[in-house]
Amino acid sequence: MWTLFGLGNPGSEYEGTRHNIGYDVLDEAADRYSISFGGGGRHYVSGDGVIGSTPVRLVKPTRYMNRSGLAWRELSQTESLQPENTLIIFDEIHLPLGRMRIRPRGGPGGHNGLASILDAVGHEDVKRIRLGIGGSDENWVDHVLSKFLSDEIEIVNRILKAAVDAIEVVLTEGVENAMNRFNGRTV
C-alpha cells in the first residue's frame, strides 16, 4: 500500500488557500477514484482506496503545517509505513503557479510541513510533489495563507488534475517516469 500525504492547515478559514493545495489534490484524487475520508486518528483524517491498480491511503494531517509529522508518527505506531511507498504533496512558493516538481528524495527546502514529516521519518528518502503557488513581493506568510485570486482558479483546477495524473504515474510507472513527464511543464 502507498501512503499519500497531502499537506495543509486544518479549519475552514484555511480552505482554498495556497498553503492547502496538498489537501486540494487529495480531494481531487478522492473524487476521481471514489475514495471517502472516513478514517483517521488523533492527528489525521484518511481514506483508503485504489489508484490505477495500487492500494492507497490518502492522509491529511490535522495539525498545523509545521506539525504534519505527528500524522506520520501516529500512523507508524499502528501501520507498517514504508518511506519508499510514501508520497508527499504540498505547496511551493518558489515555483510559478501551475508548475510542479517531482523528486524522489531531498531536503525540506524551507517547507516546514515537509521538514516535520522528514524529521518523523528520520531521513530524506521520501518522494514528493511540489506544486507551484507563485511567489509574491508581500510577506510570504500572508501570501501562502491567502486564497487564490479569481483569475488563478482555472490554473489551480488544471494543476490539481495534473497532480492527480502525476500521482498515478508515480504509483504505476515510477517516480522517474513521472519526473520526465511532469517536471518543468506548466499547465
N, C-alpha and C. Protein backbone atom coordinates (compact mmCIF):
# COMPACT_ATOMS: atom_id res chain seq x y z
N MET A 1 0.85 -1.19 0.00
CA MET A 1 0.00 0.00 0.00
C MET A 1 0.88 1.24 0.00
N TRP A 2 0.47 2.23 -0.76
CA TRP A 2 1.13 3.53 -0.77
C TRP A 2 0.38 4.47 0.16
N THR A 3 1.12 5.35 0.82
CA THR A 3 0.53 6.38 1.66
C THR A 3 0.82 7.73 1.03
N LEU A 4 -0.25 8.49 0.75
CA LEU A 4 -0.13 9.80 0.14
C LEU A 4 -0.51 10.85 1.17
N PHE A 5 0.44 11.70 1.52
CA PHE A 5 0.21 12.79 2.46
C PHE A 5 -0.02 14.07 1.69
N GLY A 6 -1.19 14.66 1.82
CA GLY A 6 -1.47 15.98 1.26
C GLY A 6 -1.39 16.99 2.39
N LEU A 7 -0.50 17.97 2.28
CA LEU A 7 -0.27 18.89 3.39
C LEU A 7 -1.15 20.13 3.29
N GLY A 8 -1.56 20.61 4.45
CA GLY A 8 -2.38 21.81 4.55
C GLY A 8 -2.60 22.14 6.02
N ASN A 9 -3.42 23.14 6.25
CA ASN A 9 -3.79 23.53 7.61
C ASN A 9 -5.26 23.17 7.84
N PRO A 10 -5.60 22.68 9.02
CA PRO A 10 -6.98 22.33 9.30
C PRO A 10 -7.84 23.57 9.55
N GLY A 11 -9.13 23.44 9.33
CA GLY A 11 -10.06 24.52 9.64
C GLY A 11 -10.57 25.22 8.40
N SER A 12 -11.82 25.64 8.48
CA SER A 12 -12.48 26.26 7.33
C SER A 12 -11.83 27.57 6.91
N GLU A 13 -11.18 28.28 7.83
CA GLU A 13 -10.54 29.54 7.47
C GLU A 13 -9.36 29.36 6.51
N TYR A 14 -8.84 28.12 6.39
CA TYR A 14 -7.71 27.85 5.50
C TYR A 14 -8.13 27.20 4.18
N GLU A 15 -9.41 26.86 4.05
CA GLU A 15 -9.88 26.25 2.81
C GLU A 15 -9.67 27.21 1.65
N GLY A 16 -9.17 26.68 0.55
CA GLY A 16 -8.96 27.49 -0.64
C GLY A 16 -7.72 28.36 -0.60
N THR A 17 -6.88 28.19 0.43
CA THR A 17 -5.64 28.97 0.48
C THR A 17 -4.53 28.25 -0.27
N ARG A 18 -3.52 29.00 -0.61
CA ARG A 18 -2.39 28.45 -1.35
C ARG A 18 -1.68 27.34 -0.56
N HIS A 19 -1.60 27.52 0.74
CA HIS A 19 -0.90 26.56 1.60
C HIS A 19 -1.62 25.22 1.65
N ASN A 20 -2.90 25.19 1.28
CA ASN A 20 -3.69 23.96 1.39
C ASN A 20 -3.82 23.21 0.09
N ILE A 21 -2.99 23.50 -0.88
CA ILE A 21 -3.12 22.83 -2.16
C ILE A 21 -2.87 21.33 -2.05
N GLY A 22 -2.10 20.90 -1.08
CA GLY A 22 -1.90 19.45 -0.86
C GLY A 22 -3.20 18.77 -0.47
N TYR A 23 -3.97 19.40 0.41
CA TYR A 23 -5.31 18.89 0.75
C TYR A 23 -6.18 18.85 -0.51
N ASP A 24 -6.12 19.92 -1.31
CA ASP A 24 -6.96 20.01 -2.50
C ASP A 24 -6.65 18.90 -3.50
N VAL A 25 -5.38 18.54 -3.64
CA VAL A 25 -5.01 17.45 -4.55
C VAL A 25 -5.61 16.14 -4.05
N LEU A 26 -5.55 15.89 -2.75
CA LEU A 26 -6.14 14.66 -2.23
C LEU A 26 -7.65 14.65 -2.43
N ASP A 27 -8.29 15.81 -2.29
CA ASP A 27 -9.73 15.88 -2.55
C ASP A 27 -10.02 15.54 -4.02
N GLU A 28 -9.20 16.06 -4.92
CA GLU A 28 -9.35 15.77 -6.35
C GLU A 28 -9.17 14.27 -6.61
N ALA A 29 -8.15 13.67 -5.99
CA ALA A 29 -7.91 12.23 -6.14
C ALA A 29 -9.08 11.42 -5.56
N ALA A 30 -9.57 11.84 -4.41
CA ALA A 30 -10.70 11.14 -3.78
C ALA A 30 -11.93 11.18 -4.68
N ASP A 31 -12.19 12.34 -5.30
CA ASP A 31 -13.32 12.45 -6.23
C ASP A 31 -13.12 11.56 -7.45
N ARG A 32 -11.93 11.60 -8.03
CA ARG A 32 -11.67 10.84 -9.25
C ARG A 32 -11.76 9.33 -9.03
N TYR A 33 -11.27 8.86 -7.88
CA TYR A 33 -11.17 7.42 -7.63
C TYR A 33 -12.18 6.92 -6.59
N SER A 34 -13.18 7.74 -6.28
CA SER A 34 -14.26 7.35 -5.35
C SER A 34 -13.71 6.86 -4.01
N ILE A 35 -12.86 7.66 -3.41
CA ILE A 35 -12.30 7.36 -2.09
C ILE A 35 -12.93 8.32 -1.09
N SER A 36 -13.40 7.77 0.03
CA SER A 36 -14.02 8.59 1.08
C SER A 36 -13.07 8.76 2.24
N PHE A 37 -13.06 9.97 2.79
CA PHE A 37 -12.29 10.24 4.01
C PHE A 37 -13.16 9.87 5.21
N GLY A 38 -13.08 8.61 5.62
CA GLY A 38 -13.89 8.16 6.75
C GLY A 38 -13.07 7.66 7.91
N GLY A 39 -11.76 7.54 7.70
CA GLY A 39 -10.90 7.02 8.76
C GLY A 39 -10.05 8.13 9.34
N GLY A 40 -9.15 7.70 10.18
CA GLY A 40 -8.23 8.67 10.74
C GLY A 40 -7.86 8.36 12.17
N GLY A 41 -7.23 9.35 12.77
CA GLY A 41 -6.76 9.23 14.14
C GLY A 41 -6.75 10.60 14.78
N ARG A 42 -5.96 10.73 15.80
CA ARG A 42 -5.88 11.99 16.53
C ARG A 42 -5.27 13.12 15.70
N HIS A 43 -4.33 12.76 14.81
CA HIS A 43 -3.56 13.76 14.08
C HIS A 43 -3.78 13.75 12.57
N TYR A 44 -4.80 13.01 12.10
CA TYR A 44 -5.02 12.93 10.66
C TYR A 44 -6.42 12.40 10.35
N VAL A 45 -6.87 12.69 9.12
CA VAL A 45 -8.03 12.02 8.54
C VAL A 45 -7.51 11.25 7.33
N SER A 46 -8.19 10.15 7.00
CA SER A 46 -7.69 9.32 5.91
C SER A 46 -8.81 8.63 5.17
N GLY A 47 -8.47 8.16 4.00
CA GLY A 47 -9.36 7.35 3.19
C GLY A 47 -8.56 6.34 2.41
N ASP A 48 -9.05 5.11 2.37
CA ASP A 48 -8.37 4.03 1.66
C ASP A 48 -9.08 3.75 0.35
N GLY A 49 -8.30 3.43 -0.68
CA GLY A 49 -8.87 3.11 -1.97
C GLY A 49 -7.82 2.57 -2.90
N VAL A 50 -8.10 2.70 -4.20
CA VAL A 50 -7.19 2.19 -5.23
C VAL A 50 -7.03 3.26 -6.30
N ILE A 51 -5.78 3.53 -6.68
CA ILE A 51 -5.46 4.41 -7.80
C ILE A 51 -4.73 3.56 -8.83
N GLY A 52 -5.28 3.49 -10.03
CA GLY A 52 -4.77 2.53 -11.00
C GLY A 52 -5.10 1.15 -10.46
N SER A 53 -4.09 0.37 -10.21
CA SER A 53 -4.29 -0.93 -9.55
C SER A 53 -3.58 -0.96 -8.20
N THR A 54 -3.19 0.22 -7.70
CA THR A 54 -2.39 0.32 -6.49
C THR A 54 -3.23 0.71 -5.29
N PRO A 55 -3.23 -0.09 -4.22
CA PRO A 55 -3.92 0.31 -2.99
C PRO A 55 -3.23 1.54 -2.39
N VAL A 56 -4.06 2.50 -1.95
CA VAL A 56 -3.53 3.74 -1.38
C VAL A 56 -4.29 4.12 -0.12
N ARG A 57 -3.60 4.88 0.70
CA ARG A 57 -4.24 5.58 1.82
C ARG A 57 -3.95 7.05 1.62
N LEU A 58 -5.00 7.86 1.49
CA LEU A 58 -4.87 9.31 1.40
C LEU A 58 -4.90 9.84 2.82
N VAL A 59 -3.93 10.67 3.18
CA VAL A 59 -3.80 11.18 4.55
C VAL A 59 -3.69 12.70 4.54
N LYS A 60 -4.58 13.34 5.32
CA LYS A 60 -4.48 14.78 5.55
C LYS A 60 -4.15 14.99 7.03
N PRO A 61 -2.93 15.43 7.34
CA PRO A 61 -2.63 15.76 8.73
C PRO A 61 -3.59 16.84 9.23
N THR A 62 -4.02 16.72 10.47
CA THR A 62 -5.00 17.67 11.02
C THR A 62 -4.40 18.61 12.07
N ARG A 63 -3.10 18.67 12.11
CA ARG A 63 -2.42 19.67 12.92
C ARG A 63 -1.87 20.72 11.95
N TYR A 64 -1.46 21.86 12.48
CA TYR A 64 -0.93 22.88 11.59
C TYR A 64 0.28 22.37 10.83
N MET A 65 0.52 22.99 9.70
CA MET A 65 1.52 22.53 8.73
C MET A 65 2.83 22.10 9.38
N ASN A 66 3.36 22.92 10.27
CA ASN A 66 4.68 22.62 10.84
C ASN A 66 4.65 21.46 11.83
N ARG A 67 3.47 20.84 12.02
CA ARG A 67 3.37 19.67 12.90
C ARG A 67 2.83 18.46 12.13
N SER A 68 2.99 18.47 10.80
CA SER A 68 2.49 17.39 9.95
C SER A 68 3.09 16.03 10.31
N GLY A 69 4.31 16.03 10.82
CA GLY A 69 4.98 14.78 11.19
C GLY A 69 4.25 14.00 12.26
N LEU A 70 3.40 14.66 13.04
CA LEU A 70 2.62 13.93 14.04
C LEU A 70 1.73 12.87 13.40
N ALA A 71 1.23 13.15 12.21
CA ALA A 71 0.41 12.17 11.50
C ALA A 71 1.25 10.94 11.14
N TRP A 72 2.47 11.19 10.62
CA TRP A 72 3.36 10.06 10.31
C TRP A 72 3.63 9.23 11.56
N ARG A 73 3.97 9.90 12.65
CA ARG A 73 4.30 9.18 13.88
C ARG A 73 3.11 8.34 14.37
N GLU A 74 1.93 8.94 14.36
CA GLU A 74 0.75 8.21 14.81
C GLU A 74 0.46 7.01 13.91
N LEU A 75 0.47 7.22 12.61
CA LEU A 75 0.22 6.12 11.68
C LEU A 75 1.27 5.02 11.82
N SER A 76 2.52 5.38 12.02
CA SER A 76 3.59 4.39 12.09
C SER A 76 3.49 3.52 13.34
N GLN A 77 2.72 3.95 14.33
CA GLN A 77 2.53 3.14 15.53
C GLN A 77 1.57 1.98 15.29
N THR A 78 0.68 2.14 14.30
CA THR A 78 -0.31 1.09 14.05
C THR A 78 -0.17 0.45 12.67
N GLU A 79 0.52 1.11 11.76
CA GLU A 79 0.66 0.62 10.39
C GLU A 79 2.14 0.44 10.07
N SER A 80 2.41 -0.39 9.10
CA SER A 80 3.77 -0.57 8.63
C SER A 80 4.03 0.42 7.50
N LEU A 81 4.29 1.67 7.85
CA LEU A 81 4.55 2.70 6.84
C LEU A 81 5.92 2.46 6.22
N GLN A 82 5.97 2.58 4.91
CA GLN A 82 7.23 2.39 4.20
C GLN A 82 7.57 3.70 3.48
N PRO A 83 8.65 4.35 3.89
CA PRO A 83 9.02 5.61 3.24
C PRO A 83 9.14 5.49 1.72
N GLU A 84 9.59 4.33 1.24
CA GLU A 84 9.73 4.16 -0.22
C GLU A 84 8.37 4.11 -0.92
N ASN A 85 7.30 3.88 -0.17
CA ASN A 85 5.94 3.87 -0.71
C ASN A 85 5.11 5.02 -0.13
N THR A 86 5.78 6.13 0.08
CA THR A 86 5.13 7.33 0.59
C THR A 86 5.35 8.46 -0.41
N LEU A 87 4.30 9.26 -0.60
CA LEU A 87 4.37 10.42 -1.49
C LEU A 87 3.75 11.59 -0.76
N ILE A 88 4.49 12.71 -0.71
CA ILE A 88 4.03 13.91 -0.02
C ILE A 88 3.72 14.97 -1.06
N ILE A 89 2.55 15.59 -0.96
CA ILE A 89 2.11 16.61 -1.92
C ILE A 89 1.92 17.92 -1.15
N PHE A 90 2.54 19.00 -1.64
CA PHE A 90 2.49 20.25 -0.90
C PHE A 90 2.79 21.44 -1.80
N ASP A 91 2.59 22.62 -1.26
CA ASP A 91 2.78 23.88 -1.99
C ASP A 91 4.25 24.29 -2.05
N GLU A 92 4.58 25.04 -3.10
CA GLU A 92 5.94 25.56 -3.27
C GLU A 92 5.88 27.00 -3.74
N ILE A 93 6.31 27.90 -2.88
CA ILE A 93 6.27 29.33 -3.17
C ILE A 93 7.30 29.73 -4.23
N HIS A 94 8.33 28.90 -4.42
CA HIS A 94 9.40 29.24 -5.36
C HIS A 94 9.16 28.69 -6.77
N LEU A 95 7.98 28.18 -7.01
CA LEU A 95 7.60 27.74 -8.35
C LEU A 95 6.42 28.59 -8.82
N PRO A 96 6.38 28.91 -10.11
CA PRO A 96 5.23 29.66 -10.62
C PRO A 96 3.94 28.84 -10.49
N LEU A 97 2.85 29.54 -10.35
CA LEU A 97 1.55 28.88 -10.29
C LEU A 97 1.36 28.04 -11.54
N GLY A 98 0.95 26.79 -11.35
CA GLY A 98 0.69 25.91 -12.49
C GLY A 98 1.85 25.00 -12.86
N ARG A 99 2.92 25.06 -12.11
CA ARG A 99 4.08 24.20 -12.39
C ARG A 99 4.30 23.26 -11.21
N MET A 100 4.75 22.03 -11.50
CA MET A 100 5.05 21.10 -10.43
C MET A 100 6.46 20.56 -10.57
N ARG A 101 6.98 20.09 -9.46
CA ARG A 101 8.31 19.48 -9.45
C ARG A 101 8.22 18.20 -8.61
N ILE A 102 8.58 17.10 -9.22
CA ILE A 102 8.55 15.80 -8.57
C ILE A 102 9.98 15.40 -8.28
N ARG A 103 10.22 14.88 -7.08
CA ARG A 103 11.55 14.45 -6.68
C ARG A 103 11.46 13.14 -5.90
N PRO A 104 12.48 12.28 -6.03
CA PRO A 104 12.48 11.02 -5.28
C PRO A 104 12.96 11.16 -3.84
N ARG A 105 13.65 12.26 -3.56
CA ARG A 105 14.20 12.47 -2.22
C ARG A 105 14.71 13.89 -2.12
N GLY A 106 15.21 14.28 -0.95
CA GLY A 106 15.83 15.59 -0.78
C GLY A 106 15.40 16.24 0.52
N GLY A 107 15.98 17.39 0.76
CA GLY A 107 15.69 18.13 1.98
C GLY A 107 14.37 18.88 1.89
N PRO A 108 14.03 19.57 2.96
CA PRO A 108 12.73 20.26 3.00
C PRO A 108 12.68 21.55 2.19
N GLY A 109 13.81 22.10 1.82
CA GLY A 109 13.80 23.32 1.01
C GLY A 109 13.05 24.47 1.65
N GLY A 110 13.08 24.54 2.98
CA GLY A 110 12.42 25.64 3.68
C GLY A 110 10.94 25.41 3.96
N HIS A 111 10.40 24.25 3.57
CA HIS A 111 8.98 23.98 3.80
C HIS A 111 8.82 23.26 5.14
N ASN A 112 8.16 23.92 6.08
CA ASN A 112 8.06 23.39 7.44
C ASN A 112 7.24 22.12 7.54
N GLY A 113 6.21 21.96 6.71
CA GLY A 113 5.42 20.74 6.73
C GLY A 113 6.24 19.54 6.29
N LEU A 114 6.98 19.71 5.20
CA LEU A 114 7.85 18.64 4.73
C LEU A 114 8.93 18.35 5.76
N ALA A 115 9.51 19.39 6.34
CA ALA A 115 10.55 19.21 7.36
C ALA A 115 10.02 18.37 8.52
N SER A 116 8.80 18.64 8.94
CA SER A 116 8.20 17.90 10.06
C SER A 116 8.05 16.42 9.72
N ILE A 117 7.60 16.12 8.51
CA ILE A 117 7.45 14.71 8.12
C ILE A 117 8.81 14.03 7.98
N LEU A 118 9.76 14.71 7.34
CA LEU A 118 11.09 14.11 7.19
C LEU A 118 11.72 13.84 8.54
N ASP A 119 11.50 14.73 9.49
CA ASP A 119 12.01 14.52 10.85
C ASP A 119 11.37 13.28 11.46
N ALA A 120 10.09 13.10 11.26
CA ALA A 120 9.39 11.92 11.81
C ALA A 120 9.87 10.64 11.13
N VAL A 121 10.11 10.71 9.82
CA VAL A 121 10.59 9.54 9.08
C VAL A 121 12.02 9.20 9.48
N GLY A 122 12.83 10.22 9.69
CA GLY A 122 14.22 10.01 10.10
C GLY A 122 15.23 10.08 8.97
N HIS A 123 14.77 10.32 7.75
CA HIS A 123 15.67 10.51 6.61
C HIS A 123 14.92 11.23 5.49
N GLU A 124 15.64 11.51 4.39
CA GLU A 124 15.08 12.33 3.31
C GLU A 124 14.68 11.52 2.07
N ASP A 125 14.69 10.19 2.18
CA ASP A 125 14.35 9.33 1.03
C ASP A 125 12.84 9.14 0.93
N VAL A 126 12.14 10.23 0.71
CA VAL A 126 10.68 10.21 0.59
C VAL A 126 10.31 10.99 -0.68
N LYS A 127 9.50 10.37 -1.51
CA LYS A 127 9.08 11.01 -2.76
C LYS A 127 8.14 12.18 -2.46
N ARG A 128 8.21 13.20 -3.35
CA ARG A 128 7.36 14.37 -3.12
C ARG A 128 6.97 15.03 -4.43
N ILE A 129 5.82 15.70 -4.39
CA ILE A 129 5.36 16.54 -5.49
C ILE A 129 5.16 17.94 -4.92
N ARG A 130 5.96 18.88 -5.42
CA ARG A 130 5.83 20.29 -5.03
C ARG A 130 4.97 20.97 -6.09
N LEU A 131 3.96 21.70 -5.66
CA LEU A 131 3.06 22.40 -6.57
C LEU A 131 3.25 23.90 -6.45
N GLY A 132 3.57 24.53 -7.55
CA GLY A 132 3.82 25.97 -7.55
C GLY A 132 2.57 26.76 -7.21
N ILE A 133 2.73 27.66 -6.25
CA ILE A 133 1.63 28.55 -5.87
C ILE A 133 1.99 30.00 -6.21
N GLY A 134 3.14 30.20 -6.86
CA GLY A 134 3.56 31.54 -7.23
C GLY A 134 4.17 32.28 -6.06
N GLY A 135 5.15 33.09 -6.35
CA GLY A 135 5.78 33.92 -5.34
C GLY A 135 5.09 35.26 -5.23
N SER A 136 5.57 36.07 -4.33
CA SER A 136 4.97 37.38 -4.11
C SER A 136 5.97 38.31 -3.47
N ASP A 137 5.78 39.60 -3.70
CA ASP A 137 6.61 40.59 -3.03
C ASP A 137 6.13 40.85 -1.61
N GLU A 138 4.90 40.44 -1.31
CA GLU A 138 4.37 40.64 0.03
C GLU A 138 5.02 39.64 0.99
N ASN A 139 4.71 39.77 2.24
CA ASN A 139 5.17 38.84 3.27
C ASN A 139 4.77 37.43 2.84
N TRP A 140 5.73 36.49 2.81
CA TRP A 140 5.43 35.14 2.31
C TRP A 140 4.38 34.44 3.15
N VAL A 141 4.33 34.70 4.46
CA VAL A 141 3.31 34.07 5.31
C VAL A 141 1.92 34.52 4.86
N ASP A 142 1.77 35.84 4.65
CA ASP A 142 0.48 36.34 4.16
C ASP A 142 0.14 35.74 2.80
N HIS A 143 1.15 35.59 1.96
CA HIS A 143 0.92 35.05 0.62
C HIS A 143 0.44 33.60 0.67
N VAL A 144 1.13 32.74 1.40
CA VAL A 144 0.74 31.32 1.40
C VAL A 144 -0.61 31.11 2.09
N LEU A 145 -0.97 32.00 2.98
CA LEU A 145 -2.26 31.87 3.67
C LEU A 145 -3.39 32.61 2.95
N SER A 146 -3.07 33.21 1.80
CA SER A 146 -4.11 33.91 1.04
C SER A 146 -4.82 32.93 0.12
N LYS A 147 -6.04 33.29 -0.25
CA LYS A 147 -6.80 32.47 -1.18
C LYS A 147 -6.34 32.80 -2.60
N PHE A 148 -6.54 31.84 -3.50
CA PHE A 148 -6.22 32.08 -4.89
C PHE A 148 -7.15 33.16 -5.44
N LEU A 149 -6.61 33.99 -6.33
CA LEU A 149 -7.39 35.05 -6.96
C LEU A 149 -8.32 34.45 -8.00
N SER A 150 -9.39 35.15 -8.32
CA SER A 150 -10.38 34.61 -9.27
C SER A 150 -9.76 34.29 -10.63
N ASP A 151 -8.78 35.09 -11.07
CA ASP A 151 -8.16 34.81 -12.37
C ASP A 151 -7.12 33.69 -12.30
N GLU A 152 -6.88 33.12 -11.11
CA GLU A 152 -5.96 32.00 -10.95
C GLU A 152 -6.68 30.65 -10.84
N ILE A 153 -7.98 30.68 -10.60
CA ILE A 153 -8.74 29.46 -10.31
C ILE A 153 -8.66 28.45 -11.45
N GLU A 154 -8.72 28.91 -12.68
CA GLU A 154 -8.64 27.98 -13.82
C GLU A 154 -7.31 27.24 -13.83
N ILE A 155 -6.22 27.96 -13.55
CA ILE A 155 -4.90 27.33 -13.48
C ILE A 155 -4.84 26.35 -12.32
N VAL A 156 -5.40 26.74 -11.17
CA VAL A 156 -5.41 25.86 -10.00
C VAL A 156 -6.15 24.57 -10.33
N ASN A 157 -7.30 24.66 -10.96
CA ASN A 157 -8.06 23.47 -11.32
C ASN A 157 -7.25 22.56 -12.25
N ARG A 158 -6.52 23.14 -13.18
CA ARG A 158 -5.69 22.34 -14.09
C ARG A 158 -4.53 21.67 -13.35
N ILE A 159 -3.89 22.40 -12.42
CA ILE A 159 -2.76 21.80 -11.70
C ILE A 159 -3.24 20.70 -10.76
N LEU A 160 -4.44 20.83 -10.19
CA LEU A 160 -4.97 19.76 -9.33
C LEU A 160 -5.15 18.49 -10.15
N LYS A 161 -5.73 18.61 -11.33
CA LYS A 161 -5.94 17.45 -12.20
C LYS A 161 -4.60 16.86 -12.65
N ALA A 162 -3.65 17.72 -13.03
CA ALA A 162 -2.34 17.26 -13.46
C ALA A 162 -1.59 16.57 -12.31
N ALA A 163 -1.75 17.08 -11.10
CA ALA A 163 -1.09 16.46 -9.94
C ALA A 163 -1.63 15.05 -9.70
N VAL A 164 -2.94 14.88 -9.86
CA VAL A 164 -3.51 13.53 -9.70
C VAL A 164 -3.01 12.62 -10.81
N ASP A 165 -2.90 13.14 -12.04
CA ASP A 165 -2.31 12.36 -13.13
C ASP A 165 -0.89 11.94 -12.76
N ALA A 166 -0.11 12.88 -12.21
CA ALA A 166 1.27 12.60 -11.83
C ALA A 166 1.34 11.55 -10.73
N ILE A 167 0.42 11.62 -9.77
CA ILE A 167 0.37 10.62 -8.70
C ILE A 167 0.18 9.24 -9.32
N GLU A 168 -0.76 9.11 -10.24
CA GLU A 168 -1.00 7.81 -10.85
C GLU A 168 0.24 7.30 -11.58
N VAL A 169 0.97 8.19 -12.26
CA VAL A 169 2.20 7.77 -12.94
C VAL A 169 3.25 7.33 -11.92
N VAL A 170 3.41 8.06 -10.82
CA VAL A 170 4.36 7.65 -9.78
C VAL A 170 4.02 6.24 -9.30
N LEU A 171 2.74 5.99 -9.05
CA LEU A 171 2.32 4.70 -8.49
C LEU A 171 2.43 3.56 -9.48
N THR A 172 2.16 3.82 -10.75
CA THR A 172 2.08 2.73 -11.73
C THR A 172 3.33 2.59 -12.60
N GLU A 173 4.05 3.70 -12.82
CA GLU A 173 5.20 3.66 -13.73
C GLU A 173 6.51 4.07 -13.06
N GLY A 174 6.44 4.61 -11.86
CA GLY A 174 7.64 5.01 -11.14
C GLY A 174 7.89 6.50 -11.16
N VAL A 175 8.66 6.94 -10.18
CA VAL A 175 8.90 8.37 -9.99
C VAL A 175 9.71 8.96 -11.15
N GLU A 176 10.65 8.20 -11.71
CA GLU A 176 11.45 8.72 -12.83
C GLU A 176 10.57 9.05 -14.03
N ASN A 177 9.64 8.17 -14.36
CA ASN A 177 8.73 8.44 -15.47
C ASN A 177 7.86 9.67 -15.19
N ALA A 178 7.41 9.79 -13.94
CA ALA A 178 6.61 10.96 -13.58
C ALA A 178 7.43 12.23 -13.70
N MET A 179 8.68 12.19 -13.27
CA MET A 179 9.55 13.36 -13.39
C MET A 179 9.73 13.75 -14.86
N ASN A 180 9.96 12.76 -15.70
CA ASN A 180 10.16 13.04 -17.13
C ASN A 180 8.91 13.65 -17.78
N ARG A 181 7.75 13.23 -17.34
CA ARG A 181 6.51 13.71 -17.96
C ARG A 181 6.00 15.02 -17.40
N PHE A 182 6.25 15.30 -16.10
CA PHE A 182 5.59 16.44 -15.47
C PHE A 182 6.52 17.57 -15.02
N ASN A 183 7.78 17.27 -14.73
CA ASN A 183 8.66 18.34 -14.24
C ASN A 183 8.87 19.41 -15.30
N GLY A 184 8.75 20.66 -14.86
CA GLY A 184 9.00 21.78 -15.74
C GLY A 184 7.84 22.17 -16.63
N ARG A 185 6.84 21.33 -16.68
CA ARG A 185 5.66 21.61 -17.52
C ARG A 185 4.72 22.54 -16.77
N THR A 186 4.23 23.54 -17.44
CA THR A 186 3.24 24.43 -16.85
C THR A 186 1.88 24.07 -17.44
N VAL A 187 0.89 23.91 -16.58
CA VAL A 187 -0.45 23.55 -17.07
C VAL A 187 -1.19 24.77 -17.56
